[in-house]
Amino acid sequence: MIRHIWTVLCDKTIVDRDTNNVSLDVLEQLNLAPIAEANVIVPVPIVIASLWSRAELESPERARARIRIVDPLQRVIGEVTIDIDLTVNIRARTFCRFGGLLVSGPGVYEFVAEIENGSEWTEAARVPLQVFILDAATAAPPLGASQTTH
């Protein structure tokens, strides 16, 4: 079975043409303006970047993976399936791009990477995205929101 190396939630990815190394702009939380109603698609770029590898370096293989988006109420609100081809290369990166997120309210949204194993799906990674709704009066993030200090 193909080996999962990492999955990162980003708002932008850049693959260097000369080195083939990837730079990731990590996405940890969204601070959103007040929304008038639940279940609104917020237009924010989201990329789920993953790195996969052959389990045995000498053995070419193929697999299917999927990314599921789970809202704070544990409802699956999005899903995409990806074919991973490791017949030529020993590693492969996948980038699943979304133009927005269906927001039902504040809370933790999870991006779940799974690999197909026969007729079952096995979880490889679960990456959280904290969504805060800003206070309309102060436009400040609520208590508990991450802050960066230098």
C-alpha atoms as a PDB file:
ATOM      1  CA  MET A   1       0.000   0.000   0.000  1.00  0.00           C
ATOM      2  CA  ILE A   2       1.223   3.499  -0.794  1.00  0.00           C
ATOM      3  CA  ARG A   3       2.739   5.354   2.151  1.00  0.00           C
ATOM      4  CA  HIS A   4       1.435   8.754   3.267  1.00  0.00           C
ATOM      5  CA  ILE A   5       4.263  11.163   4.169  1.00  0.00           C
ATOM      6  CA  TRP A   6       2.446  14.433   4.960  1.00  0.00           C
ATOM      7  CA  THR A   7      -0.656  16.514   4.301  1.00  0.00           C
ATOM      8  CA  VAL A   8      -0.751  20.279   4.808  1.00  0.00           C
ATOM      9  CA  LEU A   9      -3.588  22.770   4.419  1.00  0.00           C
ATOM     10  CA  CYS A  10      -2.454  25.842   2.462  1.00  0.00           C
ATOM     11  CA  ASP A  11      -3.746  28.907   0.748  1.00  0.00           C
ATOM     12  CA  LYS A  12      -0.924  28.842  -1.813  1.00  0.00           C
ATOM     13  CA  THR A  13       1.724  26.407  -3.065  1.00  0.00           C
ATOM     14  CA  ILE A  14       4.743  27.122  -5.234  1.00  0.00           C
ATOM     15  CA  VAL A  15       6.853  24.445  -6.943  1.00  0.00           C
ATOM     16  CA  ASP A  16      10.339  25.689  -7.784  1.00  0.00           C
ATOM     17  CA  ARG A  17      11.073  24.998 -11.440  1.00  0.00           C
ATOM     18  CA  ASP A  18      14.799  24.446 -10.899  1.00  0.00           C
ATOM     19  CA  THR A  19      14.821  22.278  -7.760  1.00  0.00           C
ATOM     20  CA  ASN A  20      11.297  20.795  -7.823  1.00  0.00           C
ATOM     21  CA  ASN A  21      11.007  21.700  -4.123  1.00  0.00           C
ATOM     22  CA  VAL A  22       7.665  22.995  -2.907  1.00  0.00           C
ATOM     23  CA  SER A  23       6.952  26.067  -0.771  1.00  0.00           C
ATOM     24  CA  LEU A  24       3.723  26.023   1.210  1.00  0.00           C
ATOM     25  CA  ASP A  25       1.794  28.965   2.681  1.00  0.00           C
ATOM     26  CA  VAL A  26       0.138  27.146   5.575  1.00  0.00           C
ATOM     27  CA  LEU A  27      -3.493  27.882   6.427  1.00  0.00           C
ATOM     28  CA  GLU A  28      -4.400  27.378  10.105  1.00  0.00           C
ATOM     29  CA  GLN A  29      -7.438  29.559  10.642  1.00  0.00           C
ATOM     30  CA  LEU A  30      -9.896  31.850   8.894  1.00  0.00           C
ATOM     31  CA  ASN A  31     -11.156  35.066  10.467  1.00  0.00           C
ATOM     32  CA  LEU A  32     -14.380  35.825   8.608  1.00  0.00           C
ATOM     33  CA  ALA A  33     -16.597  38.876   8.577  1.00  0.00           C
ATOM     34  CA  PRO A  34     -20.046  38.215  10.026  1.00  0.00           C
ATOM     35  CA  ILE A  35     -22.152  36.107   7.689  1.00  0.00           C
ATOM     36  CA  ALA A  36     -25.854  36.741   7.219  1.00  0.00           C
ATOM     37  CA  GLU A  37     -26.839  33.086   7.040  1.00  0.00           C
ATOM     38  CA  ALA A  38     -25.463  29.616   7.578  1.00  0.00           C
ATOM     39  CA  ASN A  39     -24.245  27.447   4.709  1.00  0.00           C
ATOM     40  CA  VAL A  40     -22.540  30.179   2.712  1.00  0.00           C
ATOM     41  CA  ILE A  41     -19.674  29.436   0.347  1.00  0.00           C
ATOM     42  CA  VAL A  42     -16.843  31.733   1.404  1.00  0.00           C
ATOM     43  CA  PRO A  43     -14.537  32.440  -1.558  1.00  0.00           C
ATOM     44  CA  VAL A  44     -11.146  31.597  -0.070  1.00  0.00           C
ATOM     45  CA  PRO A  45      -8.395  29.676  -1.869  1.00  0.00           C
ATOM     46  CA  ILE A  46      -7.671  26.355  -0.164  1.00  0.00           C
ATOM     47  CA  VAL A  47      -5.086  23.801  -1.264  1.00  0.00           C
ATOM     48  CA  ILE A  48      -4.639  20.428   0.383  1.00  0.00           C
ATOM     49  CA  ALA A  49      -1.062  19.403  -0.403  1.00  0.00           C
ATOM     50  CA  SER A  50       0.038  15.823   0.237  1.00  0.00           C
ATOM     51  CA  LEU A  51       3.183  13.795  -0.331  1.00  0.00           C
ATOM     52  CA  TRP A  52       2.920  10.054  -1.034  1.00  0.00           C
ATOM     53  CA  SER A  53       5.635   7.433  -1.458  1.00  0.00           C
ATOM     54  CA  ARG A  54       6.023   3.837  -2.518  1.00  0.00           C
ATOM     55  CA  ALA A  55       5.893   1.518   0.508  1.00  0.00           C
ATOM     56  CA  GLU A  56       8.670  -0.545  -1.085  1.00  0.00           C
ATOM     57  CA  LEU A  57      10.994   1.662  -3.133  1.00  0.00           C
ATOM     58  CA  GLU A  58      11.593  -1.072  -5.744  1.00  0.00           C
ATOM     59  CA  SER A  59       7.876  -1.828  -6.220  1.00  0.00           C
ATOM     60  CA  PRO A  60       5.908   0.466  -8.537  1.00  0.00           C
ATOM     61  CA  GLU A  61       2.297   0.927  -7.462  1.00  0.00           C
ATOM     62  CA  ARG A  62      -0.900   2.883  -7.946  1.00  0.00           C
ATOM     63  CA  ALA A  63      -3.605   3.853  -5.497  1.00  0.00           C
ATOM     64  CA  ARG A  64      -6.550   6.133  -4.982  1.00  0.00           C
ATOM     65  CA  ALA A  65      -6.763   8.720  -2.249  1.00  0.00           C
ATOM     66  CA  ARG A  66      -9.564  11.028  -1.277  1.00  0.00           C
ATOM     67  CA  ILE A  67      -9.899  14.263   0.624  1.00  0.00           C
ATOM     68  CA  ARG A  68     -13.063  14.773   2.650  1.00  0.00           C
ATOM     69  CA  ILE A  69     -14.062  18.095   4.214  1.00  0.00           C
ATOM     70  CA  VAL A  70     -15.949  17.685   7.497  1.00  0.00           C
ATOM     71  CA  ASP A  71     -17.743  20.614   9.150  1.00  0.00           C
ATOM     72  CA  PRO A  72     -18.003  21.260  12.923  1.00  0.00           C
ATOM     73  CA  LEU A  73     -21.245  19.219  13.028  1.00  0.00           C
ATOM     74  CA  GLN A  74     -19.344  16.230  11.526  1.00  0.00           C
ATOM     75  CA  ARG A  75     -21.138  16.481   8.160  1.00  0.00           C
ATOM     76  CA  VAL A  76     -19.115  15.728   5.024  1.00  0.00           C
ATOM     77  CA  ILE A  77     -19.446  18.927   2.979  1.00  0.00           C
ATOM     78  CA  GLY A  78     -16.965  18.129   0.218  1.00  0.00           C
ATOM     79  CA  GLU A  79     -15.039  15.240  -1.250  1.00  0.00           C
ATOM     80  CA  VAL A  80     -12.566  14.688  -4.057  1.00  0.00           C
ATOM     81  CA  THR A  81     -10.842  11.488  -5.218  1.00  0.00           C
ATOM     82  CA  ILE A  82      -7.284  11.474  -6.546  1.00  0.00           C
ATOM     83  CA  ASP A  83      -5.373   8.848  -8.537  1.00  0.00           C
ATOM     84  CA  ILE A  84      -1.801   8.388  -7.320  1.00  0.00           C
ATOM     85  CA  ASP A  85       0.584   6.879  -9.856  1.00  0.00           C
ATOM     86  CA  LEU A  86       3.932   5.717  -8.476  1.00  0.00           C
ATOM     87  CA  THR A  87       4.829   3.451 -11.398  1.00  0.00           C
ATOM     88  CA  VAL A  88       7.616   5.768 -12.613  1.00  0.00           C
ATOM     89  CA  ASN A  89       8.528   7.917  -9.607  1.00  0.00           C
ATOM     90  CA  ILE A  90       9.016   6.788  -6.011  1.00  0.00           C
ATOM     91  CA  ARG A  91       7.176   9.847  -4.618  1.00  0.00           C
ATOM     92  CA  ALA A  92       4.300  12.020  -5.757  1.00  0.00           C
ATOM     93  CA  ARG A  93       2.769  15.232  -4.512  1.00  0.00           C
ATOM     94  CA  THR A  94      -0.929  15.881  -4.886  1.00  0.00           C
ATOM     95  CA  PHE A  95      -2.606  19.283  -4.744  1.00  0.00           C
ATOM     96  CA  CYS A  96      -6.375  19.492  -4.297  1.00  0.00           C
ATOM     97  CA  ARG A  97      -7.536  23.041  -4.933  1.00  0.00           C
ATOM     98  CA  PHE A  98     -10.825  24.477  -3.738  1.00  0.00           C
ATOM     99  CA  GLY A  99     -12.097  27.963  -4.587  1.00  0.00           C
ATOM    100  CA  GLY A 100     -14.156  28.282  -1.438  1.00  0.00           C
ATOM    101  CA  LEU A 101     -15.418  26.691   1.742  1.00  0.00           C
ATOM    102  CA  LEU A 102     -19.035  25.967   2.659  1.00  0.00           C
ATOM    103  CA  VAL A 103     -19.300  27.629   6.082  1.00  0.00           C
ATOM    104  CA  SER A 104     -22.154  26.695   8.396  1.00  0.00           C
ATOM    105  CA  GLY A 105     -20.749  28.739  11.283  1.00  0.00           C
ATOM    106  CA  PRO A 106     -17.656  29.026  13.462  1.00  0.00           C
ATOM    107  CA  GLY A 107     -15.742  25.963  14.598  1.00  0.00           C
ATOM    108  CA  VAL A 108     -13.208  23.405  13.456  1.00  0.00           C
ATOM    109  CA  TYR A 109     -13.449  22.151   9.883  1.00  0.00           C
ATOM    110  CA  GLU A 110     -11.362  19.064   9.167  1.00  0.00           C
ATOM    111  CA  PHE A 111      -9.700  17.993   5.951  1.00  0.00           C
ATOM    112  CA  VAL A 112      -9.338  14.214   6.037  1.00  0.00           C
ATOM    113  CA  ALA A 113      -6.900  12.447   3.700  1.00  0.00           C
ATOM    114  CA  GLU A 114      -7.681   8.776   3.136  1.00  0.00           C
ATOM    115  CA  ILE A 115      -6.120   6.009   1.058  1.00  0.00           C
ATOM    116  CA  GLU A 116      -8.141   3.242  -0.567  1.00  0.00           C
ATOM    117  CA  ASN A 117      -7.316  -0.193   0.796  1.00  0.00           C
ATOM    118  CA  GLY A 118      -9.366  -2.762  -1.102  1.00  0.00           C
ATOM    119  CA  SER A 119     -13.002  -1.818  -0.561  1.00  0.00           C
ATOM    120  CA  GLU A 120     -12.181   0.256   2.552  1.00  0.00           C
ATOM    121  CA  TRP A 121     -10.766   3.726   3.073  1.00  0.00           C
ATOM    122  CA  THR A 122      -7.981   4.168   5.646  1.00  0.00           C
ATOM    123  CA  GLU A 123      -7.412   7.563   7.229  1.00  0.00           C
ATOM    124  CA  ALA A 124      -3.909   8.911   6.537  1.00  0.00           C
ATOM    125  CA  ALA A 125      -4.221  12.436   7.978  1.00  0.00           C
ATOM    126  CA  ARG A 126      -6.720  14.789   9.582  1.00  0.00           C
ATOM    127  CA  VAL A 127      -5.892  18.496   9.303  1.00  0.00           C
ATOM    128  CA  PRO A 128      -7.971  21.072  11.221  1.00  0.00           C
ATOM    129  CA  LEU A 129      -8.968  24.543  10.035  1.00  0.00           C
ATOM    130  CA  GLN A 130     -10.333  26.816  12.757  1.00  0.00           C
ATOM    131  CA  VAL A 131     -12.997  29.216  11.466  1.00  0.00           C
ATOM    132  CA  PHE A 132     -13.781  32.303  13.531  1.00  0.00           C
ATOM    133  CA  ILE A 133     -16.582  34.760  12.813  1.00  0.00           C
ATOM    134  CA  LEU A 134     -15.428  38.272  13.685  1.00  0.00           C
ATOM    135  CA  ASP A 135     -17.439  40.399  16.072  1.00  0.00           C
ATOM    136  CA  ALA A 136     -19.482  42.836  13.954  1.00  0.00           C
ATOM    137  CA  ALA A 137     -18.973  45.754  16.366  1.00  0.00           C
ATOM    138  CA  THR A 138     -15.212  45.468  16.891  1.00  0.00           C
ATOM    139  CA  ALA A 139     -14.047  43.431  13.871  1.00  0.00           C
ATOM    140  CA  ALA A 140     -11.802  41.624  16.362  1.00  0.00           C
ATOM    141  CA  PRO A 141     -11.263  37.884  16.450  1.00  0.00           C
ATOM    142  CA  PRO A 142     -12.939  36.160  19.388  1.00  0.00           C
ATOM    143  CA  LEU A 143     -11.035  35.000  22.425  1.00  0.00           C
ATOM    144  CA  GLY A 144      -9.065  31.877  21.700  1.00  0.00           C
ATOM    145  CA  ALA A 145      -8.044  32.876  18.173  1.00  0.00           C
ATOM    146  CA  SER A 146      -4.353  32.341  17.417  1.00  0.00           C
ATOM    147  CA  GLN A 147      -2.195  35.405  17.617  1.00  0.00           C
ATOM    148  CA  THR A 148       1.318  35.775  16.248  1.00  0.00           C
ATOM    149  CA  THR A 149       3.885  37.721  18.251  1.00  0.00           C
ATOM    150  CA  HIS A 150       7.373  38.730  17.156  1.00  0.00           C
END
